[in-house]
Amino acid sequence: MSELAGERSAPRGQLPPGSVVAVVVTRHRSAMLVDSLAAMAKQTHPIAHLIVVDNGPDQPARDVVEACGLPATWLPSWRNLGGAGGFALGMLQALAMGADWVWLGDDDGHAGGEDALATCLDLAERRGLAAVSPVVADLAEPDRLAFPLRRGLTWHRTRTALLAADGEGDAELLPGIASFFNGALFRASTLDVIGVPDLRLFVRGDEVEMHRRLVRSGLPFGTALHATYLHPYGSDEFKPMLGGRLHAQDPGDATKRYYTYRNRGYLMSQPGMRKIGLLEVPRFAWYFLVTRKDPRAFLTWLKLLNQGRAEQFHRAP
């Protein structure tokens, strides 16, 4: 074992053609990681290798990785790289090992069935997709979506409603929409085109930024409607206004707010998102000044937004 990486049955040389390498990022959540890796080990389509990037090796997840039953590499980072940097490091490691497919997972969620990987891979191969993700459902209530999804002109909040939306499109694929860090499968050649997550974003918005790049690349991608990935419910941060016709993302945690607002400023200044960015100031002005009646919070939001636009990517105080 080297000081930098613990390996279990690590491959020697290039992996066989068509190999899938899974990448998971974790930090101080070994109990959750057990479930995530157990679901990967049960997949009907074999995983050639697993890479776990550990952003918190002061409380190491090495034992969990080595006991998961898959050929695996525990890759500790003594600097917390966040989700963005952790996935970037793991994805580059997977490419360097010769992976043809890279499957991403987080430590607080797991595949919703033993065929999740097989379903995504089959769909990607048959339809020539550059990337495909499963439907991300609520870990506590699997019929509820962890994040709402739009099909046609309708926003859906349950898997039942999403799958029952007859006549609104493809029966097996929701094109142009995907959740990348929760069970998404990428071709290696796709990452040659769009790159890996931007380390500077740390957390929050890194997935949106990858989505922006993939959209602009013109490569086909989407959500596999018959595969699921279970994740804690993530819609509580979206606060309704104007009778629920609009929403504003307002995390309760100060650190999450810092990265959400700052990174959003950067994202809204990028090609492909500038039209959406024009709506940000009036929407959040209404939310903070009218709905919350909190001018100080609005000024903080503006300050962080401008930091992101200026690419001042300092870590949260």
Protein backbone atom coordinates (compact mmCIF):
# COMPACT_ATOMS: atom_id res chain seq x y z
CA MET A 1 0.00 0.00 0.00
CA SER A 2 1.29 3.45 -0.81
CA GLU A 3 0.82 6.44 1.49
CA LEU A 4 -1.37 8.17 -1.07
CA ALA A 5 -3.78 5.45 -2.10
CA GLY A 6 -4.96 2.16 -0.65
CA GLU A 7 -5.77 -0.36 -3.37
CA ARG A 8 -7.61 -3.67 -3.39
CA SER A 9 -7.01 -5.79 -6.49
CA ALA A 10 -6.12 -2.70 -8.51
CA PRO A 11 -5.86 -3.37 -12.24
CA ARG A 12 -2.46 -3.56 -13.84
CA GLY A 13 -2.29 -1.68 -17.09
CA GLN A 14 -5.23 -0.77 -19.27
CA LEU A 15 -8.69 -2.03 -18.37
CA PRO A 16 -10.61 -4.30 -20.77
CA PRO A 17 -12.65 -2.58 -23.52
CA GLY A 18 -15.99 -1.26 -22.35
CA SER A 19 -14.96 -1.08 -18.69
CA VAL A 20 -16.99 0.97 -16.22
CA VAL A 21 -15.12 2.70 -13.41
CA ALA A 22 -17.24 4.11 -10.58
CA VAL A 23 -16.24 7.30 -8.76
CA VAL A 24 -17.61 8.29 -5.36
CA VAL A 25 -16.66 11.34 -3.27
CA THR A 26 -16.99 11.21 0.52
CA ARG A 27 -16.16 13.22 3.62
CA HIS A 28 -16.86 12.13 7.20
CA ARG A 29 -19.91 10.03 6.25
CA SER A 30 -18.70 6.45 6.45
CA ALA A 31 -22.06 5.11 7.62
CA MET A 32 -23.80 6.48 4.52
CA LEU A 33 -20.92 5.36 2.30
CA VAL A 34 -21.55 1.74 3.32
CA ASP A 35 -24.99 1.79 1.67
CA SER A 36 -23.69 3.60 -1.42
CA LEU A 37 -20.92 1.07 -2.06
CA ALA A 38 -23.11 -1.93 -1.18
CA ALA A 39 -25.55 -0.88 -3.91
CA MET A 40 -22.67 -0.59 -6.38
CA ALA A 41 -21.37 -4.04 -5.49
CA LYS A 42 -24.80 -5.55 -6.25
CA GLN A 43 -25.12 -4.12 -9.77
CA THR A 44 -25.94 -6.68 -12.44
CA HIS A 45 -23.48 -5.02 -14.80
CA PRO A 46 -19.96 -5.46 -13.40
CA ILE A 47 -17.93 -2.48 -12.24
CA ALA A 48 -14.31 -2.92 -13.30
CA HIS A 49 -13.00 -0.67 -10.55
CA LEU A 50 -14.20 1.70 -7.84
CA ILE A 51 -12.44 4.93 -6.88
CA VAL A 52 -13.43 6.62 -3.63
CA VAL A 53 -12.02 10.11 -3.15
CA ASP A 54 -11.93 10.80 0.59
CA ASN A 55 -11.96 14.52 1.37
CA GLY A 56 -11.75 13.81 5.10
CA PRO A 57 -8.98 11.26 5.74
CA ASP A 58 -8.67 12.51 9.34
CA GLN A 59 -11.78 10.31 9.77
CA PRO A 60 -10.85 7.81 7.07
CA ALA A 61 -13.34 5.77 5.06
CA ARG A 62 -10.62 3.33 4.02
CA ASP A 63 -12.08 0.35 5.91
CA VAL A 64 -15.45 0.83 4.22
CA VAL A 65 -13.83 0.96 0.80
CA GLU A 66 -11.71 -2.13 1.35
CA ALA A 67 -14.70 -4.12 2.64
CA CYS A 68 -17.09 -3.24 -0.21
CA GLY A 69 -16.40 -6.32 -2.32
CA LEU A 70 -15.25 -4.48 -5.44
CA PRO A 71 -11.75 -3.90 -6.83
CA ALA A 72 -11.24 -0.49 -5.29
CA THR A 73 -8.90 2.42 -4.70
CA TRP A 74 -9.19 4.63 -1.61
CA LEU A 75 -7.83 8.01 -2.70
CA PRO A 76 -7.37 10.37 0.28
CA SER A 77 -7.06 14.12 -0.15
CA TRP A 78 -5.62 15.96 2.82
CA ARG A 79 -7.00 19.17 1.36
CA ASN A 80 -10.78 19.21 1.18
CA LEU A 81 -11.41 19.58 -2.56
CA GLY A 82 -15.18 19.74 -2.20
CA GLY A 83 -17.50 17.83 -4.48
CA ALA A 84 -16.17 19.60 -7.58
CA GLY A 85 -12.50 18.87 -6.93
CA GLY A 86 -13.20 15.41 -5.56
CA PHE A 87 -15.10 14.32 -8.65
CA ALA A 88 -12.50 15.96 -10.90
CA LEU A 89 -9.72 14.01 -9.20
CA GLY A 90 -11.64 10.72 -9.30
CA MET A 91 -12.72 11.16 -12.93
CA LEU A 92 -9.18 11.92 -14.07
CA GLN A 93 -7.95 8.85 -12.17
CA ALA A 94 -10.61 6.73 -13.90
CA LEU A 95 -9.59 8.05 -17.33
CA ALA A 96 -5.92 7.43 -16.52
CA MET A 97 -6.79 3.80 -15.68
CA GLY A 98 -8.32 3.34 -19.11
CA ALA A 99 -12.04 3.48 -18.31
CA ASP A 100 -14.42 3.68 -21.27
CA TRP A 101 -17.31 4.67 -18.98
CA VAL A 102 -17.27 6.64 -15.73
CA TRP A 103 -20.17 6.21 -13.28
CA LEU A 104 -20.57 8.89 -10.60
CA GLY A 105 -22.13 8.54 -7.16
CA ASP A 106 -22.24 10.55 -3.94
CA ASP A 107 -21.80 9.15 -0.45
CA ASP A 108 -25.27 10.14 0.77
CA GLY A 109 -27.21 8.31 -1.94
CA HIS A 110 -27.20 5.01 -3.78
CA ALA A 111 -28.56 3.18 -6.81
CA GLY A 112 -32.26 2.44 -6.47
CA GLY A 113 -32.00 -1.06 -7.92
CA GLU A 114 -29.48 -3.68 -8.97
CA ASP A 115 -30.07 -2.88 -12.64
CA ALA A 116 -29.52 0.91 -12.44
CA LEU A 117 -26.11 0.80 -14.11
CA ALA A 118 -27.17 -1.83 -16.66
CA THR A 119 -30.26 0.21 -17.63
CA CYS A 120 -28.26 3.41 -18.10
CA LEU A 121 -25.51 1.67 -20.05
CA ASP A 122 -27.96 -0.15 -22.33
CA LEU A 123 -29.80 3.08 -23.08
CA ALA A 124 -26.57 4.99 -23.73
CA GLU A 125 -25.28 2.33 -26.12
CA ARG A 126 -28.55 1.88 -28.01
CA ARG A 127 -29.23 5.58 -28.37
CA GLY A 128 -25.66 6.80 -28.81
CA LEU A 129 -25.80 9.02 -25.71
CA ALA A 130 -22.78 10.90 -24.39
CA ALA A 131 -24.12 10.74 -20.83
CA VAL A 132 -27.20 9.43 -19.08
CA SER A 133 -28.44 9.68 -15.52
CA PRO A 134 -31.15 7.81 -13.62
CA VAL A 135 -34.20 9.51 -12.14
CA VAL A 136 -33.15 10.86 -8.74
CA ALA A 137 -35.79 9.90 -6.18
CA ASP A 138 -36.22 10.73 -2.51
CA LEU A 139 -34.41 8.26 -0.26
CA ALA A 140 -37.19 8.40 2.35
CA GLU A 141 -40.12 8.35 -0.12
CA PRO A 142 -38.92 6.68 -3.36
CA ASP A 143 -41.95 7.75 -5.41
CA ARG A 144 -41.19 11.41 -4.69
CA LEU A 145 -38.49 13.03 -6.79
CA ALA A 146 -35.52 14.37 -4.83
CA PHE A 147 -35.55 17.33 -7.25
CA PRO A 148 -38.53 18.27 -9.47
CA LEU A 149 -38.24 17.45 -13.18
CA ARG A 150 -39.94 19.07 -16.15
CA ARG A 151 -41.41 17.00 -18.95
CA GLY A 152 -42.84 19.07 -21.75
CA LEU A 153 -44.37 22.15 -20.10
CA THR A 154 -45.18 20.39 -16.83
CA TRP A 155 -43.07 20.16 -13.67
CA HIS A 156 -43.37 16.79 -11.94
CA ARG A 157 -42.61 16.01 -8.30
CA THR A 158 -43.26 12.24 -8.27
CA ARG A 159 -41.95 9.34 -10.34
CA THR A 160 -45.51 8.17 -10.93
CA ALA A 161 -46.49 11.48 -12.50
CA LEU A 162 -43.28 11.66 -14.51
CA LEU A 163 -43.74 8.18 -15.99
CA ALA A 164 -47.47 8.71 -16.59
CA ALA A 165 -46.89 11.81 -18.72
CA ASP A 166 -48.05 10.08 -21.91
CA GLY A 167 -47.75 11.94 -25.16
CA GLU A 168 -45.17 14.38 -23.81
CA GLY A 169 -42.12 12.69 -25.24
CA ASP A 170 -39.90 9.62 -25.24
CA ALA A 171 -41.07 6.66 -23.13
CA GLU A 172 -37.58 5.79 -21.88
CA LEU A 173 -35.56 9.00 -22.08
CA LEU A 174 -35.96 12.57 -20.86
CA PRO A 175 -33.59 14.31 -23.30
CA GLY A 176 -31.39 17.24 -22.41
CA ILE A 177 -31.88 16.94 -18.64
CA ALA A 178 -29.68 15.00 -16.22
CA SER A 179 -28.44 14.96 -12.62
CA PHE A 180 -24.74 14.36 -12.98
CA PHE A 181 -23.40 13.56 -9.51
CA ASN A 182 -26.16 11.13 -8.57
CA GLY A 183 -25.69 8.02 -10.67
CA ALA A 184 -24.79 9.63 -14.00
CA LEU A 185 -22.85 7.56 -16.52
CA PHE A 186 -20.39 9.31 -18.86
CA ARG A 187 -18.54 8.05 -21.90
CA ALA A 188 -14.82 8.70 -21.53
CA SER A 189 -14.91 10.47 -24.89
CA THR A 190 -17.54 12.86 -23.51
CA LEU A 191 -15.14 14.02 -20.81
CA ASP A 192 -12.56 14.73 -23.55
CA VAL A 193 -15.05 17.28 -24.91
CA ILE A 194 -16.55 18.85 -21.77
CA GLY A 195 -13.80 18.29 -19.21
CA VAL A 196 -14.20 17.53 -15.51
CA PRO A 197 -15.82 19.65 -12.76
CA ASP A 198 -14.28 23.03 -11.98
CA LEU A 199 -12.28 22.83 -8.73
CA ARG A 200 -12.88 26.54 -8.08
CA LEU A 201 -16.59 26.04 -7.48
CA PHE A 202 -15.85 23.67 -4.54
CA VAL A 203 -19.53 22.83 -3.90
CA ARG A 204 -22.83 24.12 -5.25
CA GLY A 205 -23.28 24.86 -8.93
CA ASP A 206 -20.52 22.52 -10.09
CA GLU A 207 -23.08 20.08 -11.48
CA VAL A 208 -24.99 22.90 -13.21
CA GLU A 209 -21.76 24.09 -14.78
CA MET A 210 -21.04 20.60 -16.16
CA HIS A 211 -24.59 20.48 -17.50
CA ARG A 212 -24.04 23.86 -19.21
CA ARG A 213 -20.90 22.58 -20.93
CA LEU A 214 -22.60 19.41 -22.12
CA VAL A 215 -25.54 21.36 -23.54
CA ARG A 216 -23.18 23.68 -25.41
CA SER A 217 -21.19 20.73 -26.78
CA GLY A 218 -24.22 19.53 -28.72
CA LEU A 219 -23.69 15.95 -27.53
CA PRO A 220 -26.88 13.97 -26.82
CA PHE A 221 -27.70 13.13 -23.19
CA GLY A 222 -30.66 12.69 -20.88
CA THR A 223 -32.35 10.95 -17.98
CA ALA A 224 -33.16 7.23 -18.12
CA LEU A 225 -36.78 7.10 -16.96
CA HIS A 226 -36.61 3.45 -15.90
CA ALA A 227 -33.50 3.68 -13.70
CA THR A 228 -33.43 5.28 -10.26
CA TYR A 229 -30.91 6.70 -7.83
CA LEU A 230 -32.01 7.40 -4.24
CA HIS A 231 -30.90 10.64 -2.61
CA PRO A 232 -32.05 12.70 0.39
CA TYR A 233 -34.85 15.11 -0.51
CA GLY A 234 -33.29 18.29 -1.87
CA SER A 235 -36.16 20.64 -2.67
CA ASP A 236 -36.61 22.26 0.76
CA GLU A 237 -34.11 24.99 -0.16
CA PHE A 238 -36.38 26.28 -2.95
CA LYS A 239 -38.68 28.83 -1.36
CA PRO A 240 -41.97 29.72 -3.08
CA MET A 241 -43.04 33.26 -3.93
CA LEU A 242 -45.87 34.81 -5.92
CA GLY A 243 -48.19 32.03 -4.84
CA GLY A 244 -45.74 29.32 -5.84
CA ARG A 245 -45.39 30.49 -9.44
CA LEU A 246 -41.70 31.22 -8.84
CA HIS A 247 -39.09 29.87 -6.44
CA ALA A 248 -35.81 31.16 -5.03
CA GLN A 249 -33.02 28.93 -3.74
CA ASP A 250 -32.26 29.95 -0.16
CA PRO A 251 -30.31 27.32 1.86
CA GLY A 252 -30.66 27.40 5.62
CA ASP A 253 -26.95 26.78 6.23
CA ALA A 254 -24.66 29.85 6.01
CA THR A 255 -21.82 27.99 4.27
CA LYS A 256 -24.18 26.51 1.69
CA ARG A 257 -25.66 29.97 1.09
CA TYR A 258 -22.18 31.41 0.51
CA TYR A 259 -21.27 28.89 -2.19
CA THR A 260 -24.75 28.79 -3.72
CA TYR A 261 -24.97 32.55 -4.22
CA ARG A 262 -21.36 33.14 -5.21
CA ASN A 263 -21.21 30.27 -7.68
CA ARG A 264 -24.57 31.27 -9.12
CA GLY A 265 -23.07 34.66 -9.96
CA TYR A 266 -20.32 32.96 -11.93
CA LEU A 267 -22.72 30.61 -13.69
CA MET A 268 -25.13 33.32 -14.76
CA SER A 269 -22.27 35.20 -16.44
CA GLN A 270 -21.28 32.24 -18.60
CA PRO A 271 -22.27 31.60 -22.23
CA GLY A 272 -25.49 29.64 -22.41
CA MET A 273 -26.85 31.01 -19.12
CA ARG A 274 -26.80 34.77 -19.58
CA LYS A 275 -30.46 35.05 -20.62
CA ILE A 276 -31.49 33.21 -17.45
CA GLY A 277 -29.12 35.50 -15.54
CA LEU A 278 -31.12 38.57 -16.59
CA LEU A 279 -33.98 37.32 -14.42
CA GLU A 280 -31.89 36.69 -11.32
CA VAL A 281 -31.76 40.19 -9.85
CA PRO A 282 -35.50 41.01 -10.13
CA ARG A 283 -36.47 37.52 -8.94
CA PHE A 284 -34.24 37.57 -5.87
CA ALA A 285 -35.00 41.24 -5.20
CA TRP A 286 -38.67 40.27 -4.96
CA TYR A 287 -37.85 37.28 -2.77
CA PHE A 288 -35.65 39.13 -0.27
CA LEU A 289 -37.39 42.51 -0.26
CA VAL A 290 -41.05 41.53 -0.67
CA THR A 291 -41.38 37.89 0.44
CA ARG A 292 -38.77 37.85 3.22
CA LYS A 293 -38.65 41.60 3.87
CA ASP A 294 -34.92 41.36 4.55
CA PRO A 295 -32.90 44.08 2.74
CA ARG A 296 -29.66 43.05 4.49
CA ALA A 297 -29.96 39.52 3.11
CA PHE A 298 -30.51 40.96 -0.37
CA LEU A 299 -27.32 43.06 -0.08
CA THR A 300 -25.38 39.97 1.01
CA TRP A 301 -26.79 38.07 -1.97
CA LEU A 302 -25.72 40.88 -4.33
CA LYS A 303 -22.22 40.97 -2.86
CA LEU A 304 -21.73 37.23 -3.31
CA LEU A 305 -23.27 37.31 -6.79
CA ASN A 306 -20.77 39.96 -7.83
CA GLN A 307 -17.88 37.98 -6.35
CA GLY A 308 -18.86 35.06 -8.55
CA ARG A 309 -19.13 37.25 -11.64
CA ALA A 310 -15.65 38.60 -10.91
CA GLU A 311 -14.34 35.01 -10.45
CA GLN A 312 -13.22 35.69 -6.89
CA PHE A 313 -13.34 32.08 -5.74
CA HIS A 314 -12.26 32.42 -2.11
CA ARG A 315 -13.28 29.71 0.32
CA ALA A 316 -16.15 30.48 2.69
CA PRO A 317 -15.07 32.45 5.78
